[in-house]
Amino acid sequence: MNDNNKTNYEILKDIRTVQEANNFCSEIDNILENFYKLKNKNLDELLSSSTENSTSSIIKKILSDNKIPSSDFASCEKILSQLKDWIKKMKVIKITLAIDPSSEVISHISDWINQNLETNTLIDIDKDESILGGAVLSINGNYKDFSLKKTLEDVFARKKNELIKNIYPK
């Protein structure tokens, strides 16, 4: 597997957030640390005992797609290290929301970003109730505020004199 062969990473589409990517990389680190502790065991047993089912399935699929037997520890180690490096190179879009998004909301945001902005992008989600609603985005150093708070501030700034006249008529 190499950096140009992104199709092998299609299975990673379920890793949508920075937190999910960090968890996945931690599990890869755990696998790599335990490789050489294996005696009379194979990688399948290690994956089953030390990773979540989703991580285990992803790794097994990538090894299978690349025709690497689980007994070939050197090739497994190389591909897992490449996978981890590739994940670390993924672009990140920072999103601030007023809520803790559900998994479904995260999926919708991730799908939209991958279809409309850039594929293989992770979402770094922050919660800030003070924005009231909407979202604040930071993409490649560009900051866009689509929050309800900003919209209301803009309306009040534009309509200030009109609002004052209505509140304090002469």
N, C-alpha and C. Protein backbone atom coordinates (compact mmCIF):
# COMPACT_ATOMS: atom_id res chain seq x y z
N MET A 1 0.85 -1.17 0.00
CA MET A 1 0.00 0.00 0.00
C MET A 1 0.90 1.23 0.00
N ASN A 2 0.53 2.23 -0.78
CA ASN A 2 1.29 3.47 -0.78
C ASN A 2 0.33 4.64 -0.72
N ASP A 3 0.89 5.84 -0.58
CA ASP A 3 0.06 7.03 -0.43
C ASP A 3 -0.81 7.30 -1.66
N ASN A 4 -0.40 6.81 -2.82
CA ASN A 4 -1.16 7.06 -4.04
C ASN A 4 -2.34 6.10 -4.18
N ASN A 5 -2.37 5.05 -3.42
CA ASN A 5 -3.41 4.05 -3.55
C ASN A 5 -4.51 4.32 -2.51
N LYS A 6 -5.26 5.38 -2.69
CA LYS A 6 -6.26 5.80 -1.72
C LYS A 6 -7.46 4.86 -1.68
N THR A 7 -7.69 4.09 -2.75
CA THR A 7 -8.85 3.20 -2.76
C THR A 7 -8.78 2.19 -1.63
N ASN A 8 -7.58 1.81 -1.23
CA ASN A 8 -7.46 0.89 -0.11
C ASN A 8 -7.93 1.52 1.19
N TYR A 9 -7.98 2.81 1.23
CA TYR A 9 -8.40 3.51 2.44
C TYR A 9 -9.88 3.85 2.43
N GLU A 10 -10.58 3.47 1.39
CA GLU A 10 -12.01 3.77 1.31
C GLU A 10 -12.74 3.25 2.55
N ILE A 11 -12.25 2.18 3.09
CA ILE A 11 -12.88 1.59 4.26
C ILE A 11 -12.78 2.53 5.48
N LEU A 12 -11.89 3.49 5.43
CA LEU A 12 -11.71 4.43 6.54
C LEU A 12 -12.76 5.53 6.58
N LYS A 13 -13.71 5.51 5.67
CA LYS A 13 -14.72 6.57 5.64
C LYS A 13 -15.52 6.65 6.93
N ASP A 14 -15.50 5.57 7.71
CA ASP A 14 -16.20 5.59 8.98
C ASP A 14 -15.43 6.33 10.07
N ILE A 15 -14.19 6.70 9.79
CA ILE A 15 -13.42 7.53 10.71
C ILE A 15 -13.65 8.97 10.27
N ARG A 16 -14.54 9.66 11.00
CA ARG A 16 -15.01 10.97 10.55
C ARG A 16 -14.45 12.13 11.37
N THR A 17 -14.12 11.86 12.63
CA THR A 17 -13.70 12.96 13.50
C THR A 17 -12.25 12.78 13.94
N VAL A 18 -11.67 13.86 14.42
CA VAL A 18 -10.31 13.81 14.95
C VAL A 18 -10.26 12.83 16.13
N GLN A 19 -11.29 12.82 16.96
CA GLN A 19 -11.32 11.91 18.11
C GLN A 19 -11.34 10.46 17.65
N GLU A 20 -12.15 10.15 16.64
CA GLU A 20 -12.20 8.78 16.11
C GLU A 20 -10.84 8.39 15.50
N ALA A 21 -10.20 9.33 14.81
CA ALA A 21 -8.88 9.07 14.21
C ALA A 21 -7.84 8.82 15.30
N ASN A 22 -7.87 9.62 16.36
CA ASN A 22 -6.94 9.43 17.48
C ASN A 22 -7.14 8.07 18.14
N ASN A 23 -8.40 7.68 18.33
CA ASN A 23 -8.69 6.37 18.93
C ASN A 23 -8.18 5.25 18.03
N PHE A 24 -8.40 5.37 16.74
CA PHE A 24 -7.96 4.36 15.78
C PHE A 24 -6.43 4.25 15.79
N CYS A 25 -5.75 5.39 15.78
CA CYS A 25 -4.28 5.37 15.81
C CYS A 25 -3.75 4.79 17.12
N SER A 26 -4.44 5.05 18.22
CA SER A 26 -4.04 4.46 19.50
C SER A 26 -4.17 2.95 19.47
N GLU A 27 -5.21 2.47 18.82
CA GLU A 27 -5.38 1.02 18.70
C GLU A 27 -4.29 0.42 17.81
N ILE A 28 -3.91 1.13 16.75
CA ILE A 28 -2.81 0.67 15.90
C ILE A 28 -1.52 0.62 16.73
N ASP A 29 -1.27 1.66 17.52
CA ASP A 29 -0.08 1.67 18.40
C ASP A 29 -0.09 0.46 19.33
N ASN A 30 -1.24 0.16 19.88
CA ASN A 30 -1.38 -0.98 20.78
C ASN A 30 -1.06 -2.29 20.05
N ILE A 31 -1.54 -2.42 18.83
CA ILE A 31 -1.25 -3.62 18.03
C ILE A 31 0.24 -3.71 17.76
N LEU A 32 0.84 -2.60 17.33
CA LEU A 32 2.27 -2.60 17.01
C LEU A 32 3.12 -2.94 18.24
N GLU A 33 2.73 -2.45 19.40
CA GLU A 33 3.46 -2.74 20.63
C GLU A 33 3.37 -4.22 21.00
N ASN A 34 2.26 -4.84 20.66
CA ASN A 34 2.04 -6.23 21.05
C ASN A 34 2.44 -7.26 20.01
N PHE A 35 2.88 -6.79 18.83
CA PHE A 35 3.27 -7.72 17.76
C PHE A 35 4.27 -8.77 18.23
N TYR A 36 5.30 -8.33 18.87
CA TYR A 36 6.40 -9.23 19.18
C TYR A 36 6.22 -9.97 20.49
N LYS A 37 5.11 -9.71 21.16
CA LYS A 37 4.77 -10.47 22.35
C LYS A 37 4.00 -11.74 21.98
N LEU A 38 3.60 -11.80 20.71
CA LEU A 38 2.82 -12.96 20.26
C LEU A 38 3.69 -14.20 20.19
N LYS A 39 3.23 -15.24 20.82
CA LYS A 39 3.91 -16.53 20.73
C LYS A 39 2.82 -17.56 20.44
N ASN A 40 2.98 -18.25 19.36
CA ASN A 40 2.01 -19.26 18.93
C ASN A 40 0.62 -18.67 18.74
N LYS A 41 0.56 -17.38 18.48
CA LYS A 41 -0.71 -16.72 18.19
C LYS A 41 -0.56 -16.06 16.84
N ASN A 42 -1.67 -15.67 16.29
CA ASN A 42 -1.59 -14.93 15.03
C ASN A 42 -2.19 -13.54 15.23
N LEU A 43 -2.07 -12.75 14.22
CA LEU A 43 -2.55 -11.37 14.29
C LEU A 43 -4.06 -11.32 14.52
N ASP A 44 -4.79 -12.27 13.96
CA ASP A 44 -6.24 -12.29 14.14
C ASP A 44 -6.61 -12.36 15.61
N GLU A 45 -5.89 -13.18 16.36
CA GLU A 45 -6.15 -13.28 17.80
C GLU A 45 -5.83 -11.97 18.52
N LEU A 46 -4.73 -11.35 18.12
CA LEU A 46 -4.35 -10.06 18.71
C LEU A 46 -5.42 -9.01 18.42
N LEU A 47 -5.88 -8.96 17.18
CA LEU A 47 -6.91 -7.99 16.81
C LEU A 47 -8.19 -8.23 17.60
N SER A 48 -8.55 -9.47 17.74
CA SER A 48 -9.78 -9.81 18.48
C SER A 48 -9.69 -9.44 19.95
N SER A 49 -8.51 -9.59 20.53
CA SER A 49 -8.38 -9.37 21.96
C SER A 49 -8.01 -7.94 22.34
N SER A 50 -7.47 -7.16 21.41
CA SER A 50 -6.95 -5.85 21.83
C SER A 50 -7.54 -4.65 21.08
N THR A 51 -8.51 -4.88 20.19
CA THR A 51 -9.10 -3.76 19.47
C THR A 51 -10.61 -3.88 19.44
N GLU A 52 -11.25 -2.76 19.12
CA GLU A 52 -12.69 -2.79 18.92
C GLU A 52 -12.98 -3.57 17.64
N ASN A 53 -14.19 -4.08 17.54
CA ASN A 53 -14.57 -4.85 16.34
C ASN A 53 -14.42 -4.04 15.06
N SER A 54 -14.77 -2.75 15.11
CA SER A 54 -14.68 -1.94 13.89
C SER A 54 -13.23 -1.78 13.44
N THR A 55 -12.32 -1.56 14.38
CA THR A 55 -10.90 -1.43 14.05
C THR A 55 -10.37 -2.75 13.51
N SER A 56 -10.72 -3.83 14.16
CA SER A 56 -10.28 -5.14 13.73
C SER A 56 -10.76 -5.42 12.30
N SER A 57 -12.02 -5.10 12.01
CA SER A 57 -12.57 -5.32 10.66
C SER A 57 -11.85 -4.48 9.62
N ILE A 58 -11.57 -3.23 9.94
CA ILE A 58 -10.87 -2.34 9.00
C ILE A 58 -9.48 -2.89 8.69
N ILE A 59 -8.76 -3.27 9.73
CA ILE A 59 -7.39 -3.77 9.54
C ILE A 59 -7.39 -5.08 8.75
N LYS A 60 -8.29 -5.99 9.10
CA LYS A 60 -8.38 -7.25 8.36
C LYS A 60 -8.70 -7.01 6.89
N LYS A 61 -9.59 -6.07 6.62
CA LYS A 61 -9.96 -5.77 5.23
C LYS A 61 -8.76 -5.20 4.47
N ILE A 62 -8.03 -4.30 5.08
CA ILE A 62 -6.87 -3.69 4.42
C ILE A 62 -5.79 -4.75 4.17
N LEU A 63 -5.55 -5.60 5.13
CA LEU A 63 -4.57 -6.67 4.94
C LEU A 63 -5.01 -7.61 3.81
N SER A 64 -6.28 -7.94 3.81
CA SER A 64 -6.82 -8.82 2.77
C SER A 64 -6.72 -8.17 1.39
N ASP A 65 -7.11 -6.89 1.30
CA ASP A 65 -7.05 -6.17 0.02
C ASP A 65 -5.63 -6.10 -0.52
N ASN A 66 -4.67 -6.07 0.38
CA ASN A 66 -3.26 -5.98 -0.03
C ASN A 66 -2.58 -7.35 -0.04
N LYS A 67 -3.39 -8.41 0.14
CA LYS A 67 -2.89 -9.80 0.09
C LYS A 67 -1.72 -10.05 1.05
N ILE A 68 -1.88 -9.53 2.26
CA ILE A 68 -0.85 -9.71 3.28
C ILE A 68 -1.38 -10.71 4.31
N PRO A 69 -0.71 -11.84 4.46
CA PRO A 69 -1.17 -12.82 5.46
C PRO A 69 -0.91 -12.29 6.89
N SER A 70 -1.80 -12.62 7.79
CA SER A 70 -1.66 -12.12 9.16
C SER A 70 -0.42 -12.69 9.86
N SER A 71 0.18 -13.70 9.27
CA SER A 71 1.41 -14.27 9.87
C SER A 71 2.66 -13.50 9.44
N ASP A 72 2.54 -12.63 8.46
CA ASP A 72 3.67 -11.83 7.96
C ASP A 72 3.75 -10.53 8.78
N PHE A 73 4.34 -10.64 9.98
CA PHE A 73 4.36 -9.51 10.90
C PHE A 73 5.07 -8.29 10.33
N ALA A 74 6.16 -8.49 9.58
CA ALA A 74 6.91 -7.35 9.03
C ALA A 74 6.03 -6.55 8.06
N SER A 75 5.32 -7.24 7.18
CA SER A 75 4.44 -6.55 6.22
C SER A 75 3.25 -5.92 6.93
N CYS A 76 2.72 -6.62 7.94
CA CYS A 76 1.61 -6.07 8.71
C CYS A 76 2.04 -4.79 9.43
N GLU A 77 3.22 -4.85 10.04
CA GLU A 77 3.74 -3.67 10.74
C GLU A 77 3.92 -2.50 9.78
N LYS A 78 4.45 -2.79 8.60
CA LYS A 78 4.68 -1.73 7.60
C LYS A 78 3.35 -1.11 7.16
N ILE A 79 2.36 -1.94 6.86
CA ILE A 79 1.10 -1.40 6.37
C ILE A 79 0.35 -0.64 7.47
N LEU A 80 0.44 -1.12 8.71
CA LEU A 80 -0.20 -0.41 9.82
C LEU A 80 0.47 0.94 10.07
N SER A 81 1.77 0.99 9.96
CA SER A 81 2.50 2.26 10.12
C SER A 81 2.12 3.23 9.00
N GLN A 82 2.01 2.71 7.77
CA GLN A 82 1.61 3.56 6.64
C GLN A 82 0.18 4.08 6.83
N LEU A 83 -0.67 3.21 7.31
CA LEU A 83 -2.06 3.59 7.57
C LEU A 83 -2.14 4.71 8.59
N LYS A 84 -1.39 4.55 9.67
CA LYS A 84 -1.36 5.57 10.72
C LYS A 84 -0.81 6.90 10.18
N ASP A 85 0.26 6.83 9.39
CA ASP A 85 0.83 8.04 8.79
C ASP A 85 -0.18 8.72 7.87
N TRP A 86 -0.91 7.91 7.10
CA TRP A 86 -1.89 8.48 6.18
C TRP A 86 -3.00 9.19 6.96
N ILE A 87 -3.46 8.58 8.04
CA ILE A 87 -4.51 9.19 8.86
C ILE A 87 -4.02 10.53 9.44
N LYS A 88 -2.78 10.56 9.88
CA LYS A 88 -2.23 11.79 10.46
C LYS A 88 -2.11 12.92 9.42
N LYS A 89 -2.05 12.56 8.14
CA LYS A 89 -1.92 13.56 7.08
C LYS A 89 -3.28 14.06 6.57
N MET A 90 -4.36 13.48 7.07
CA MET A 90 -5.69 13.89 6.62
C MET A 90 -5.94 15.35 7.00
N LYS A 91 -6.64 16.05 6.13
CA LYS A 91 -7.00 17.44 6.42
C LYS A 91 -8.06 17.48 7.50
N VAL A 92 -8.07 18.59 8.24
CA VAL A 92 -9.01 18.75 9.35
C VAL A 92 -9.80 20.03 9.14
N ILE A 93 -11.11 19.91 9.33
CA ILE A 93 -11.98 21.08 9.35
C ILE A 93 -12.50 21.21 10.77
N LYS A 94 -12.27 22.38 11.34
CA LYS A 94 -12.72 22.64 12.71
C LYS A 94 -14.13 23.23 12.65
N ILE A 95 -15.03 22.62 13.39
CA ILE A 95 -16.42 23.07 13.43
C ILE A 95 -16.82 23.30 14.89
N THR A 96 -17.40 24.46 15.13
CA THR A 96 -17.93 24.75 16.46
C THR A 96 -19.45 24.75 16.35
N LEU A 97 -20.09 23.98 17.20
CA LEU A 97 -21.55 23.87 17.23
C LEU A 97 -22.05 24.25 18.61
N ALA A 98 -23.32 24.58 18.72
CA ALA A 98 -23.92 24.91 20.01
C ALA A 98 -24.35 23.67 20.77
N ILE A 99 -24.28 22.52 20.12
CA ILE A 99 -24.75 21.27 20.71
C ILE A 99 -23.65 20.20 20.61
N ASP A 100 -23.84 19.13 21.36
CA ASP A 100 -23.04 17.92 21.17
C ASP A 100 -23.73 17.14 20.08
N PRO A 101 -23.12 17.02 18.91
CA PRO A 101 -23.82 16.36 17.80
C PRO A 101 -23.93 14.85 18.00
N SER A 102 -25.04 14.31 17.54
CA SER A 102 -25.23 12.86 17.57
C SER A 102 -24.37 12.24 16.47
N SER A 103 -24.25 10.95 16.50
CA SER A 103 -23.51 10.23 15.47
C SER A 103 -24.13 10.48 14.10
N GLU A 104 -25.46 10.57 14.06
CA GLU A 104 -26.16 10.84 12.80
C GLU A 104 -25.81 12.23 12.26
N VAL A 105 -25.77 13.22 13.13
CA VAL A 105 -25.40 14.58 12.70
C VAL A 105 -23.95 14.59 12.20
N ILE A 106 -23.06 13.91 12.92
CA ILE A 106 -21.66 13.84 12.49
C ILE A 106 -21.57 13.19 11.12
N SER A 107 -22.35 12.13 10.90
CA SER A 107 -22.35 11.46 9.59
C SER A 107 -22.80 12.41 8.49
N HIS A 108 -23.86 13.16 8.74
CA HIS A 108 -24.36 14.11 7.74
C HIS A 108 -23.33 15.19 7.43
N ILE A 109 -22.70 15.73 8.47
CA ILE A 109 -21.68 16.76 8.27
C ILE A 109 -20.51 16.18 7.48
N SER A 110 -20.05 15.01 7.88
CA SER A 110 -18.92 14.37 7.21
C SER A 110 -19.24 14.07 5.75
N ASP A 111 -20.43 13.53 5.49
CA ASP A 111 -20.84 13.23 4.11
C ASP A 111 -20.86 14.51 3.27
N TRP A 112 -21.43 15.58 3.84
CA TRP A 112 -21.50 16.84 3.10
C TRP A 112 -20.10 17.37 2.78
N ILE A 113 -19.23 17.35 3.76
CA ILE A 113 -17.86 17.83 3.55
C ILE A 113 -17.15 17.02 2.48
N ASN A 114 -17.27 15.69 2.57
CA ASN A 114 -16.59 14.84 1.60
C ASN A 114 -17.17 14.96 0.19
N GLN A 115 -18.45 15.29 0.07
CA GLN A 115 -19.07 15.46 -1.24
C GLN A 115 -18.85 16.86 -1.81
N ASN A 116 -18.82 17.87 -0.96
CA ASN A 116 -18.82 19.25 -1.44
C ASN A 116 -17.50 20.00 -1.27
N LEU A 117 -16.69 19.60 -0.32
CA LEU A 117 -15.46 20.33 -0.07
C LEU A 117 -14.24 19.50 -0.43
N GLU A 118 -14.02 18.46 0.35
CA GLU A 118 -12.81 17.66 0.15
C GLU A 118 -12.99 16.28 0.77
N THR A 119 -12.57 15.27 0.02
CA THR A 119 -12.67 13.91 0.54
C THR A 119 -11.55 13.67 1.55
N ASN A 120 -11.70 12.62 2.31
CA ASN A 120 -10.70 12.23 3.30
C ASN A 120 -10.37 13.37 4.27
N THR A 121 -11.41 13.96 4.80
CA THR A 121 -11.27 15.08 5.72
C THR A 121 -11.85 14.70 7.08
N LEU A 122 -11.14 15.03 8.13
CA LEU A 122 -11.61 14.79 9.48
C LEU A 122 -12.28 16.05 10.02
N ILE A 123 -13.21 15.86 10.92
CA ILE A 123 -13.90 16.98 11.56
C ILE A 123 -13.41 17.08 12.99
N ASP A 124 -13.00 18.28 13.39
CA ASP A 124 -12.62 18.56 14.77
C ASP A 124 -13.77 19.37 15.36
N ILE A 125 -14.57 18.75 16.23
CA ILE A 125 -15.80 19.37 16.72
C ILE A 125 -15.60 19.95 18.11
N ASP A 126 -15.99 21.21 18.25
CA ASP A 126 -16.03 21.88 19.55
C ASP A 126 -17.47 22.25 19.85
N LYS A 127 -17.78 22.35 21.12
CA LYS A 127 -19.11 22.79 21.54
C LYS A 127 -18.98 24.15 22.22
N ASP A 128 -19.82 25.09 21.78
CA ASP A 128 -19.86 26.42 22.39
C ASP A 128 -21.32 26.89 22.35
N GLU A 129 -22.00 26.73 23.47
CA GLU A 129 -23.42 27.07 23.52
C GLU A 129 -23.68 28.54 23.24
N SER A 130 -22.67 29.39 23.42
CA SER A 130 -22.88 30.83 23.23
C SER A 130 -23.16 31.20 21.77
N ILE A 131 -22.88 30.30 20.83
CA ILE A 131 -23.18 30.64 19.42
C ILE A 131 -24.65 30.42 19.10
N LEU A 132 -25.40 29.84 20.03
CA LEU A 132 -26.85 29.64 19.98
C LEU A 132 -27.31 28.60 18.97
N GLY A 133 -26.74 28.56 17.80
CA GLY A 133 -27.12 27.62 16.75
C GLY A 133 -26.22 27.84 15.56
N GLY A 134 -26.43 27.07 14.51
CA GLY A 134 -25.58 27.20 13.32
C GLY A 134 -24.21 26.60 13.59
N ALA A 135 -23.21 27.15 12.91
CA ALA A 135 -21.86 26.61 13.05
C ALA A 135 -20.83 27.68 12.74
N VAL A 136 -19.64 27.49 13.31
CA VAL A 136 -18.47 28.31 13.01
C VAL A 136 -17.45 27.34 12.42
N LEU A 137 -16.94 27.66 11.22
CA LEU A 137 -16.02 26.78 10.52
C LEU A 137 -14.65 27.41 10.38
N SER A 138 -13.65 26.57 10.48
CA SER A 138 -12.28 26.98 10.20
C SER A 138 -11.70 25.95 9.24
N ILE A 139 -11.40 26.42 8.01
CA ILE A 139 -10.93 25.53 6.96
C ILE A 139 -9.69 26.15 6.32
N ASN A 140 -8.58 25.43 6.39
CA ASN A 140 -7.33 25.89 5.77
C ASN A 140 -7.00 27.34 6.14
N GLY A 141 -7.18 27.68 7.40
CA GLY A 141 -6.86 29.02 7.86
C GLY A 141 -7.96 30.06 7.60
N ASN A 142 -9.03 29.67 6.92
CA ASN A 142 -10.17 30.56 6.68
C ASN A 142 -11.23 30.32 7.74
N TYR A 143 -11.75 31.41 8.28
CA TYR A 143 -12.72 31.35 9.37
C TYR A 143 -14.05 31.89 8.85
N LYS A 144 -15.11 31.12 9.00
CA LYS A 144 -16.45 31.55 8.58
C LYS A 144 -17.41 31.32 9.74
N ASP A 145 -18.13 32.38 10.08
CA ASP A 145 -19.07 32.31 11.20
C ASP A 145 -20.50 32.28 10.65
N PHE A 146 -21.13 31.12 10.72
CA PHE A 146 -22.50 30.94 10.28
C PHE A 146 -23.40 30.69 11.49
N SER A 147 -23.01 31.25 12.63
CA SER A 147 -23.76 31.01 13.86
C SER A 147 -24.99 31.91 13.94
N LEU A 148 -25.95 31.47 14.71
CA LEU A 148 -27.16 32.27 14.97
C LEU A 148 -26.78 33.54 15.73
N LYS A 149 -25.83 33.44 16.63
CA LYS A 149 -25.37 34.61 17.39
C LYS A 149 -24.85 35.69 16.45
N LYS A 150 -24.02 35.32 15.49
CA LYS A 150 -23.46 36.28 14.53
C LYS A 150 -24.56 36.88 13.66
N THR A 151 -25.49 36.04 13.23
CA THR A 151 -26.60 36.52 12.41
C THR A 151 -27.43 37.55 13.18
N LEU A 152 -27.74 37.25 14.44
CA LEU A 152 -28.51 38.20 15.25
C LEU A 152 -27.74 39.49 15.50
N GLU A 153 -26.44 39.38 15.77
CA GLU A 153 -25.63 40.58 15.96
C GLU A 153 -25.63 41.45 14.71
N ASP A 154 -25.53 40.83 13.54
CA ASP A 154 -25.54 41.57 12.28
C ASP A 154 -26.88 42.27 12.06
N VAL A 155 -27.97 41.57 12.35
CA VAL A 155 -29.31 42.16 12.19
C VAL A 155 -29.46 43.34 13.14
N PHE A 156 -29.09 43.16 14.40
CA PHE A 156 -29.22 44.25 15.37
C PHE A 156 -28.32 45.43 14.99
N ALA A 157 -27.16 45.18 14.47
CA ALA A 157 -26.27 46.27 14.05
C ALA A 157 -26.88 47.04 12.88
N ARG A 158 -27.46 46.35 11.92
CA ARG A 158 -28.05 47.00 10.74
C ARG A 158 -29.36 47.73 11.08
N LYS A 159 -30.10 47.18 12.00
CA LYS A 159 -31.43 47.71 12.32
C LYS A 159 -31.44 48.50 13.63
N LYS A 160 -30.29 48.85 14.13
CA LYS A 160 -30.18 49.51 15.43
C LYS A 160 -31.07 50.75 15.53
N ASN A 161 -30.92 51.66 14.58
CA ASN A 161 -31.70 52.91 14.64
C ASN A 161 -33.20 52.64 14.55
N GLU A 162 -33.59 51.71 13.70
CA GLU A 162 -35.00 51.37 13.56
C GLU A 162 -35.54 50.75 14.85
N LEU A 163 -34.75 49.90 15.48
CA LEU A 163 -35.16 49.29 16.73
C LEU A 163 -35.31 50.34 17.84
N ILE A 164 -34.36 51.26 17.90
CA ILE A 164 -34.42 52.32 18.92
C ILE A 164 -35.66 53.18 18.73
N LYS A 165 -35.97 53.53 17.47
CA LYS A 165 -37.17 54.32 17.18
C LYS A 165 -38.43 53.61 17.63
N ASN A 166 -38.47 52.28 17.42
CA ASN A 166 -39.66 51.51 17.81
C ASN A 166 -39.76 51.34 19.32
N ILE A 167 -38.63 51.28 19.99
CA ILE A 167 -38.65 51.10 21.44
C ILE A 167 -38.91 52.45 22.14
N TYR A 168 -38.29 53.51 21.63
CA TYR A 168 -38.44 54.84 22.23
C TYR A 168 -39.01 55.81 21.19
N PRO A 169 -40.28 55.69 20.86
CA PRO A 169 -40.83 56.62 19.87
C PRO A 169 -40.87 58.05 20.42
N LYS A 170 -40.72 58.99 19.53
CA LYS A 170 -40.72 60.41 19.97
C LYS A 170 -42.11 60.96 20.10
